[in-house]
Amino acid sequence: AAAALDAAAARGRCDGATVAALQDLKEKLADHMDHEEGEIFPLLAEIPERELKRMAGLVLGARPADVLELTIRLQVQHLEPALARHVLGTMCEVARGTRFRRWLDRALGAAA
């Protein structure tokens, strides 16, 4: 990613400040993910799957539709097709009994 940023800067597509800001963002996101994987995920492993699914449904339902659509699009486009289908299927499962699947089909079209 850093090489791609440097190449974009060399072609004049972004300035040095933008490259530095994006590299800083990348480092902060990496630190955040390390924290989740090292501290939060082990705690989640102690919660029964049924309760995790209930909580995931509450999180999905609390997000504005435009934010949720953007988030899902960003997630799905960077996953292998089989994993993307699994993620979308799990979202539909935790939102069972709602209109989420219908919304997802409209929001993402064929990607869902």
Protein backbone atom coordinates (compact mmCIF):
# COMPACT_ATOMS: atom_id res chain seq x y z
CA ALA A 1 0.00 0.00 0.00
CA ALA A 2 2.83 2.39 0.80
CA ALA A 3 4.39 1.76 -2.62
CA ALA A 4 1.06 2.51 -4.31
CA LEU A 5 0.81 5.79 -2.40
CA ASP A 6 4.36 6.74 -3.35
CA ALA A 7 3.61 5.92 -7.00
CA ALA A 8 0.43 8.03 -6.91
CA ALA A 9 2.39 10.92 -5.41
CA ALA A 10 5.10 10.56 -8.08
CA ARG A 11 2.44 10.79 -10.80
CA GLY A 12 1.07 13.94 -9.21
CA ARG A 13 -2.20 12.29 -8.17
CA CYS A 14 -1.75 13.20 -4.53
CA ASP A 15 0.63 15.40 -2.61
CA GLY A 16 3.08 14.47 0.12
CA ALA A 17 0.71 15.58 2.87
CA THR A 18 -1.99 13.27 1.54
CA VAL A 19 0.45 10.37 1.36
CA ALA A 20 1.59 11.04 4.93
CA ALA A 21 -2.00 11.28 6.17
CA LEU A 22 -2.95 8.01 4.48
CA GLN A 23 0.11 6.25 5.85
CA ASP A 24 -0.75 7.53 9.32
CA LEU A 25 -4.32 6.29 8.90
CA LYS A 26 -3.03 2.89 7.80
CA GLU A 27 -0.88 2.64 10.94
CA LYS A 28 -3.78 3.63 13.19
CA LEU A 29 -6.07 1.07 11.55
CA ALA A 30 -3.42 -1.63 11.91
CA ASP A 31 -3.05 -0.78 15.62
CA HIS A 32 -6.83 -0.89 16.01
CA MET A 33 -7.03 -4.31 14.35
CA ASP A 34 -4.20 -5.63 16.54
CA HIS A 35 -6.13 -4.48 19.60
CA GLU A 36 -9.32 -6.18 18.41
CA GLU A 37 -7.59 -9.42 17.53
CA GLY A 38 -5.51 -9.55 20.70
CA GLU A 39 -7.93 -8.28 23.33
CA ILE A 40 -11.50 -8.17 22.09
CA PHE A 41 -11.81 -11.35 20.00
CA PRO A 42 -10.78 -13.63 22.91
CA LEU A 43 -13.51 -12.03 25.03
CA LEU A 44 -16.08 -12.57 22.29
CA ALA A 45 -15.12 -16.26 22.18
CA GLU A 46 -16.59 -16.60 25.68
CA ILE A 47 -20.05 -15.38 24.59
CA PRO A 48 -22.48 -18.03 23.27
CA GLU A 49 -23.01 -17.91 19.48
CA ARG A 50 -26.72 -17.22 19.83
CA GLU A 51 -26.00 -14.12 21.92
CA LEU A 52 -23.30 -12.93 19.49
CA LYS A 53 -25.79 -13.19 16.63
CA ARG A 54 -28.38 -11.25 18.62
CA MET A 55 -25.83 -8.51 19.34
CA ALA A 56 -24.73 -8.42 15.69
CA GLY A 57 -28.35 -7.93 14.67
CA LEU A 58 -28.67 -5.02 17.08
CA VAL A 59 -25.52 -3.40 15.67
CA LEU A 60 -26.72 -3.81 12.08
CA GLY A 61 -30.11 -2.37 12.96
CA ALA A 62 -28.61 0.67 14.66
CA ARG A 63 -26.67 1.87 11.61
CA PRO A 64 -28.11 4.38 9.13
CA ALA A 65 -28.88 2.65 5.82
CA ASP A 66 -26.41 4.72 3.78
CA VAL A 67 -23.57 4.01 6.22
CA LEU A 68 -24.42 0.31 6.34
CA GLU A 69 -24.60 0.07 2.54
CA LEU A 70 -21.20 1.75 2.13
CA THR A 71 -19.65 -0.45 4.83
CA ILE A 72 -21.01 -3.65 3.31
CA ARG A 73 -19.89 -2.63 -0.19
CA LEU A 74 -16.36 -1.92 1.08
CA GLN A 75 -16.23 -5.25 2.94
CA VAL A 76 -17.59 -7.40 0.14
CA GLN A 77 -15.45 -5.95 -2.65
CA HIS A 78 -12.26 -6.98 -0.83
CA LEU A 79 -13.30 -10.57 -0.06
CA GLU A 80 -13.08 -13.74 -2.09
CA PRO A 81 -16.56 -14.52 -3.53
CA ALA A 82 -17.19 -17.49 -1.22
CA LEU A 83 -16.26 -15.48 1.87
CA ALA A 84 -18.36 -12.53 0.69
CA ARG A 85 -21.37 -14.86 0.33
CA HIS A 86 -20.70 -16.22 3.83
CA VAL A 87 -20.51 -12.71 5.33
CA LEU A 88 -23.72 -11.60 3.60
CA GLY A 89 -25.45 -14.84 4.58
CA THR A 90 -24.47 -14.35 8.21
CA MET A 91 -25.78 -10.78 8.14
CA CYS A 92 -29.07 -12.04 6.75
CA GLU A 93 -29.19 -14.75 9.42
CA VAL A 94 -28.71 -12.31 12.30
CA ALA A 95 -31.32 -10.00 10.81
CA ARG A 96 -33.88 -12.75 10.29
CA GLY A 97 -37.43 -11.61 10.91
CA THR A 98 -36.69 -8.15 9.53
CA ARG A 99 -36.71 -6.67 6.05
CA PHE A 100 -32.90 -6.66 5.92
CA ARG A 101 -32.63 -9.22 3.10
CA ARG A 102 -35.02 -7.22 0.92
CA TRP A 103 -33.07 -4.03 1.69
CA LEU A 104 -29.77 -5.78 0.98
CA ASP A 105 -31.01 -7.05 -2.37
CA ARG A 106 -32.07 -3.52 -3.36
CA ALA A 107 -28.92 -1.88 -1.98
CA LEU A 108 -26.38 -4.24 -3.46
CA GLY A 109 -28.26 -5.79 -6.37
CA ALA A 110 -26.52 -8.85 -7.79
CA ALA A 111 -23.68 -8.63 -5.26
CA ALA A 112 -26.05 -9.81 -2.52
